[in-house]
N, C-alpha and C. Protein backbone atom coordinates (compact mmCIF):
# COMPACT_ATOMS: atom_id res chain seq x y z
N UNK A 1 90.70 107.05 104.41
CA UNK A 1 90.53 105.64 104.13
C UNK A 1 91.49 105.26 103.00
N UNK A 2 92.12 104.10 103.17
CA UNK A 2 93.07 103.62 102.17
C UNK A 2 92.43 102.45 101.42
N UNK A 3 92.53 102.53 100.09
CA UNK A 3 92.00 101.48 99.21
C UNK A 3 93.19 100.83 98.52
N UNK A 4 93.49 99.59 98.89
CA UNK A 4 94.64 98.87 98.34
C UNK A 4 94.10 97.91 97.28
N UNK A 5 94.64 98.05 96.05
CA UNK A 5 94.08 97.27 94.95
C UNK A 5 95.15 96.94 93.91
N UNK A 6 94.75 96.12 92.95
CA UNK A 6 95.55 95.85 91.77
C UNK A 6 94.71 96.37 90.60
N UNK A 7 95.15 97.45 89.94
CA UNK A 7 94.32 98.11 88.93
C UNK A 7 93.80 97.21 87.80
N UNK A 8 94.50 96.11 87.51
CA UNK A 8 94.06 95.23 86.42
C UNK A 8 93.04 94.18 86.88
N UNK A 9 92.78 94.12 88.18
CA UNK A 9 91.87 93.13 88.75
C UNK A 9 90.42 93.56 88.54
N UNK A 10 89.60 92.68 87.99
CA UNK A 10 88.20 93.03 87.71
C UNK A 10 87.41 93.26 88.99
N UNK A 11 87.68 92.51 90.03
CA UNK A 11 86.99 92.71 91.31
C UNK A 11 87.37 94.07 91.90
N UNK A 12 88.64 94.45 91.78
CA UNK A 12 89.08 95.75 92.28
C UNK A 12 88.40 96.88 91.52
N UNK A 13 88.25 96.71 90.21
CA UNK A 13 87.57 97.73 89.40
C UNK A 13 86.12 97.87 89.84
N UNK A 14 85.47 96.74 90.09
CA UNK A 14 84.07 96.75 90.53
C UNK A 14 83.95 97.44 91.90
N UNK A 15 84.88 97.13 92.80
CA UNK A 15 84.88 97.73 94.14
C UNK A 15 85.12 99.23 94.05
N UNK A 16 86.04 99.64 93.20
CA UNK A 16 86.35 101.06 93.06
C UNK A 16 85.14 101.81 92.48
N UNK A 17 84.47 101.20 91.54
CA UNK A 17 83.26 101.80 90.97
C UNK A 17 82.20 101.95 92.07
N UNK A 18 82.08 100.94 92.94
CA UNK A 18 81.11 100.99 94.03
C UNK A 18 81.44 102.16 94.97
N UNK A 19 82.73 102.30 95.31
CA UNK A 19 83.16 103.40 96.17
C UNK A 19 82.81 104.75 95.54
N UNK A 20 83.13 104.89 94.25
CA UNK A 20 82.86 106.13 93.54
C UNK A 20 81.36 106.41 93.45
N UNK A 21 80.58 105.38 93.10
CA UNK A 21 79.13 105.53 92.98
C UNK A 21 78.48 105.93 94.30
N UNK A 22 79.11 105.54 95.42
CA UNK A 22 78.56 105.84 96.73
C UNK A 22 79.20 107.08 97.37
N UNK A 23 80.00 107.79 96.59
CA UNK A 23 80.60 109.03 97.06
C UNK A 23 81.54 108.87 98.24
N UNK A 24 82.20 107.73 98.32
CA UNK A 24 83.12 107.47 99.43
C UNK A 24 84.53 107.89 99.01
N UNK A 25 85.14 108.75 99.81
CA UNK A 25 86.48 109.23 99.49
C UNK A 25 87.54 108.26 100.00
N UNK A 26 88.59 108.09 99.21
CA UNK A 26 89.65 107.14 99.56
C UNK A 26 90.94 107.52 98.86
N UNK A 27 92.02 106.99 99.38
CA UNK A 27 93.33 107.11 98.76
C UNK A 27 93.65 105.75 98.16
N UNK A 28 94.10 105.73 96.91
CA UNK A 28 94.38 104.47 96.22
C UNK A 28 95.85 104.09 96.33
N UNK A 29 96.09 102.80 96.52
CA UNK A 29 97.46 102.27 96.56
C UNK A 29 97.51 100.99 95.72
N UNK A 30 98.41 100.96 94.76
CA UNK A 30 98.60 99.80 93.88
C UNK A 30 99.43 98.76 94.63
N UNK A 31 98.82 97.61 94.88
CA UNK A 31 99.46 96.57 95.68
C UNK A 31 100.69 95.96 95.00
N UNK A 32 100.74 96.02 93.68
CA UNK A 32 101.90 95.47 92.96
C UNK A 32 103.09 96.43 93.04
N UNK A 33 102.81 97.73 92.94
CA UNK A 33 103.88 98.73 92.98
C UNK A 33 104.31 99.05 94.41
N UNK A 34 103.39 98.92 95.35
CA UNK A 34 103.67 99.30 96.74
C UNK A 34 103.12 98.21 97.66
N UNK A 35 103.86 97.11 97.71
CA UNK A 35 103.44 95.94 98.49
C UNK A 35 103.33 96.29 99.98
N UNK A 36 102.28 95.77 100.65
CA UNK A 36 102.18 95.99 102.09
C UNK A 36 103.38 95.40 102.82
N UNK A 37 103.83 96.10 103.83
CA UNK A 37 104.96 95.63 104.64
C UNK A 37 104.49 94.62 105.68
N UNK A 38 105.44 93.96 106.28
CA UNK A 38 105.15 93.02 107.36
C UNK A 38 104.34 93.72 108.46
N UNK A 39 104.82 94.90 108.89
CA UNK A 39 104.15 95.63 109.97
C UNK A 39 102.74 96.05 109.60
N UNK A 40 102.55 96.52 108.35
CA UNK A 40 101.20 96.89 107.91
C UNK A 40 100.29 95.67 107.93
N UNK A 41 100.76 94.58 107.37
CA UNK A 41 99.94 93.36 107.32
C UNK A 41 99.58 92.88 108.72
N UNK A 42 100.54 92.96 109.62
CA UNK A 42 100.29 92.54 111.00
C UNK A 42 99.20 93.41 111.63
N UNK A 43 99.30 94.72 111.42
CA UNK A 43 98.30 95.64 111.97
C UNK A 43 96.93 95.40 111.32
N UNK A 44 96.91 95.28 110.00
CA UNK A 44 95.64 95.06 109.29
C UNK A 44 94.99 93.76 109.75
N UNK A 45 95.80 92.73 109.90
CA UNK A 45 95.28 91.44 110.34
C UNK A 45 94.61 91.57 111.70
N UNK A 46 95.27 92.24 112.65
CA UNK A 46 94.68 92.36 113.98
C UNK A 46 93.42 93.24 113.96
N UNK A 47 93.40 94.28 113.14
CA UNK A 47 92.22 95.15 113.04
C UNK A 47 91.04 94.46 112.37
N UNK A 48 91.32 93.50 111.51
CA UNK A 48 90.27 92.87 110.70
C UNK A 48 89.47 91.81 111.44
N UNK A 49 90.07 91.20 112.45
CA UNK A 49 89.46 90.06 113.16
C UNK A 49 89.24 88.85 112.25
N UNK A 50 89.94 88.81 111.13
CA UNK A 50 89.84 87.68 110.19
C UNK A 50 90.99 86.71 110.42
N UNK A 51 90.77 85.43 110.06
CA UNK A 51 91.92 84.51 110.10
C UNK A 51 92.95 84.97 109.06
N UNK A 52 94.21 84.78 109.34
CA UNK A 52 95.27 85.24 108.45
C UNK A 52 95.14 84.65 107.05
N UNK A 53 94.62 83.44 106.97
CA UNK A 53 94.45 82.79 105.66
C UNK A 53 93.61 83.64 104.70
N UNK A 54 92.70 84.45 105.25
CA UNK A 54 91.83 85.30 104.42
C UNK A 54 92.61 86.40 103.71
N UNK A 55 93.85 86.64 104.13
CA UNK A 55 94.67 87.66 103.49
C UNK A 55 95.42 87.11 102.28
N UNK A 56 95.36 85.81 102.07
CA UNK A 56 96.05 85.21 100.93
C UNK A 56 95.13 85.18 99.70
N UNK A 57 95.70 85.53 98.56
CA UNK A 57 94.99 85.48 97.29
C UNK A 57 95.01 84.04 96.79
N UNK A 58 94.10 83.22 97.31
CA UNK A 58 94.13 81.78 97.05
C UNK A 58 93.83 81.42 95.59
N UNK A 59 93.26 82.36 94.83
CA UNK A 59 92.99 82.06 93.42
C UNK A 59 94.11 82.58 92.52
N UNK A 60 95.13 83.19 93.12
CA UNK A 60 96.23 83.75 92.33
C UNK A 60 97.20 82.71 91.81
N UNK A 61 97.82 83.03 90.71
CA UNK A 61 98.79 82.12 90.08
C UNK A 61 99.99 81.87 90.99
N UNK A 62 100.46 82.92 91.65
CA UNK A 62 101.64 82.79 92.51
C UNK A 62 101.34 81.86 93.69
N UNK A 63 100.18 82.04 94.31
CA UNK A 63 99.76 81.20 95.43
C UNK A 63 99.75 79.74 95.01
N UNK A 64 99.17 79.48 93.83
CA UNK A 64 99.09 78.10 93.36
C UNK A 64 100.45 77.54 92.96
N UNK A 65 101.26 78.36 92.29
CA UNK A 65 102.56 77.87 91.83
C UNK A 65 103.49 77.54 93.01
N UNK A 66 103.27 78.21 94.15
CA UNK A 66 104.08 77.95 95.34
C UNK A 66 103.50 76.84 96.21
N UNK A 67 102.38 76.25 95.79
CA UNK A 67 101.70 75.19 96.55
C UNK A 67 101.41 75.61 97.99
N UNK A 68 100.97 76.84 98.16
CA UNK A 68 100.77 77.36 99.51
C UNK A 68 99.59 76.71 100.23
N UNK A 69 98.66 76.19 99.48
CA UNK A 69 97.51 75.50 100.09
C UNK A 69 98.00 74.42 101.05
N UNK A 70 99.05 73.71 100.64
CA UNK A 70 99.59 72.62 101.44
C UNK A 70 100.60 73.10 102.50
N UNK A 71 101.18 74.27 102.29
CA UNK A 71 102.27 74.73 103.16
C UNK A 71 101.81 75.63 104.31
N UNK A 72 100.72 76.37 104.13
CA UNK A 72 100.31 77.36 105.14
C UNK A 72 100.05 76.76 106.51
N UNK A 73 99.47 75.58 106.55
CA UNK A 73 99.13 74.95 107.83
C UNK A 73 100.37 74.71 108.70
N UNK A 74 101.51 74.51 108.07
CA UNK A 74 102.75 74.23 108.81
C UNK A 74 103.56 75.49 109.10
N UNK A 75 103.05 76.65 108.68
CA UNK A 75 103.78 77.90 108.87
C UNK A 75 103.22 78.66 110.07
N UNK A 76 104.11 79.32 110.80
CA UNK A 76 103.66 80.17 111.91
C UNK A 76 103.02 81.43 111.33
N UNK A 77 102.29 82.15 112.19
CA UNK A 77 101.67 83.41 111.75
C UNK A 77 102.75 84.38 111.27
N UNK A 78 103.86 84.43 111.98
CA UNK A 78 104.96 85.32 111.60
C UNK A 78 105.50 84.95 110.21
N UNK A 79 105.68 83.67 109.96
CA UNK A 79 106.18 83.22 108.65
C UNK A 79 105.18 83.56 107.55
N UNK A 80 103.90 83.42 107.84
CA UNK A 80 102.87 83.76 106.85
C UNK A 80 102.89 85.26 106.54
N UNK A 81 103.01 86.08 107.57
CA UNK A 81 103.06 87.53 107.36
C UNK A 81 104.31 87.92 106.57
N UNK A 82 105.44 87.29 106.90
CA UNK A 82 106.68 87.57 106.16
C UNK A 82 106.52 87.20 104.69
N UNK A 83 105.87 86.08 104.43
CA UNK A 83 105.64 85.64 103.05
C UNK A 83 104.73 86.62 102.31
N UNK A 84 103.64 87.02 102.94
CA UNK A 84 102.72 87.99 102.33
C UNK A 84 103.43 89.29 101.98
N UNK A 85 104.36 89.69 102.81
CA UNK A 85 105.08 90.95 102.60
C UNK A 85 106.07 90.89 101.44
N UNK A 86 106.33 89.70 100.91
CA UNK A 86 107.31 89.58 99.83
C UNK A 86 106.74 89.95 98.46
N UNK A 87 105.42 89.80 98.27
CA UNK A 87 104.85 90.04 96.94
C UNK A 87 103.36 90.38 97.06
N UNK A 88 102.98 91.54 96.53
CA UNK A 88 101.58 91.97 96.58
C UNK A 88 100.62 91.02 95.90
N UNK A 89 101.12 90.22 94.96
CA UNK A 89 100.25 89.30 94.25
C UNK A 89 99.81 88.13 95.13
N UNK A 90 100.44 87.95 96.28
CA UNK A 90 100.03 86.92 97.22
C UNK A 90 98.86 87.39 98.10
N UNK A 91 98.66 88.71 98.13
CA UNK A 91 97.68 89.30 99.05
C UNK A 91 96.32 89.45 98.38
N UNK A 92 95.29 89.00 99.08
CA UNK A 92 93.93 89.13 98.57
C UNK A 92 93.58 90.61 98.49
N UNK A 93 92.86 90.97 97.48
CA UNK A 93 92.49 92.35 97.27
C UNK A 93 91.08 92.42 96.70
N UNK A 94 90.46 93.57 96.76
CA UNK A 94 90.92 94.81 97.35
C UNK A 94 90.87 94.77 98.87
N UNK A 95 91.59 95.71 99.47
CA UNK A 95 91.58 95.87 100.92
C UNK A 95 91.21 97.32 101.23
N UNK A 96 90.30 97.49 102.17
CA UNK A 96 89.93 98.82 102.66
C UNK A 96 90.45 98.94 104.09
N UNK A 97 91.17 100.02 104.36
CA UNK A 97 91.67 100.25 105.70
C UNK A 97 91.11 101.58 106.19
N UNK A 98 90.35 101.53 107.27
CA UNK A 98 89.83 102.74 107.90
C UNK A 98 90.46 102.84 109.28
N UNK A 99 90.09 103.86 110.03
CA UNK A 99 90.65 104.01 111.37
C UNK A 99 90.34 102.83 112.28
N UNK A 100 89.15 102.23 112.08
CA UNK A 100 88.77 101.17 113.03
C UNK A 100 88.44 99.82 112.41
N UNK A 101 88.62 99.66 111.11
CA UNK A 101 88.35 98.34 110.52
C UNK A 101 89.17 98.11 109.25
N UNK A 102 89.26 96.85 108.89
CA UNK A 102 89.93 96.44 107.65
C UNK A 102 89.01 95.44 106.95
N UNK A 103 88.71 95.71 105.67
CA UNK A 103 87.88 94.81 104.87
C UNK A 103 88.76 94.19 103.79
N UNK A 104 88.67 92.87 103.65
CA UNK A 104 89.50 92.16 102.67
C UNK A 104 88.58 91.49 101.66
N UNK A 105 88.80 91.78 100.37
CA UNK A 105 87.92 91.26 99.33
C UNK A 105 86.69 92.14 99.22
N UNK A 106 86.04 92.10 98.06
CA UNK A 106 84.87 92.95 97.86
C UNK A 106 83.59 92.14 98.03
N UNK A 107 82.91 92.43 99.14
CA UNK A 107 81.58 91.86 99.39
C UNK A 107 80.67 93.05 99.57
N UNK A 108 79.86 93.33 98.54
CA UNK A 108 79.09 94.57 98.50
C UNK A 108 78.24 94.80 99.75
N UNK A 109 77.54 93.78 100.22
CA UNK A 109 76.68 93.93 101.41
C UNK A 109 77.51 94.33 102.64
N UNK A 110 78.65 93.65 102.82
CA UNK A 110 79.52 93.95 103.95
C UNK A 110 80.04 95.39 103.87
N UNK A 111 80.47 95.79 102.68
CA UNK A 111 80.98 97.14 102.49
C UNK A 111 79.88 98.16 102.77
N UNK A 112 78.69 97.86 102.28
CA UNK A 112 77.55 98.76 102.48
C UNK A 112 77.26 98.94 103.97
N UNK A 113 77.24 97.86 104.71
CA UNK A 113 76.96 97.91 106.15
C UNK A 113 78.01 98.68 106.93
N UNK A 114 79.26 98.56 106.53
CA UNK A 114 80.36 99.15 107.30
C UNK A 114 80.75 100.55 106.83
N UNK A 115 80.69 100.78 105.52
CA UNK A 115 81.20 102.03 104.98
C UNK A 115 80.17 103.13 104.78
N UNK A 116 78.89 102.76 104.80
CA UNK A 116 77.85 103.79 104.57
C UNK A 116 77.29 104.33 105.86
């Protein structure tokens, strides 16, 4: 299982503590140092069954400074994936990637249902 996070993010720290407390093994990847590629994002998006918008870090400074709230609706899925692949700070985190699912953001109940 791959755990993609930003180590300075408080939600990521909480999620990582939850994983550790529940004895779940994972490999950690820093999203700022090792940004997801276009192909990874495309695969994760299809595995997640989530709308692509859920992969954007809508509360992030970069998202807001680029006025993406107003621009995403006019962008194709391919353009959105290309944009996400340019900077890890645009991507919502943490992300859990398993063989058969992808979880975006930390929702304890959802993680409990799927990962335990």
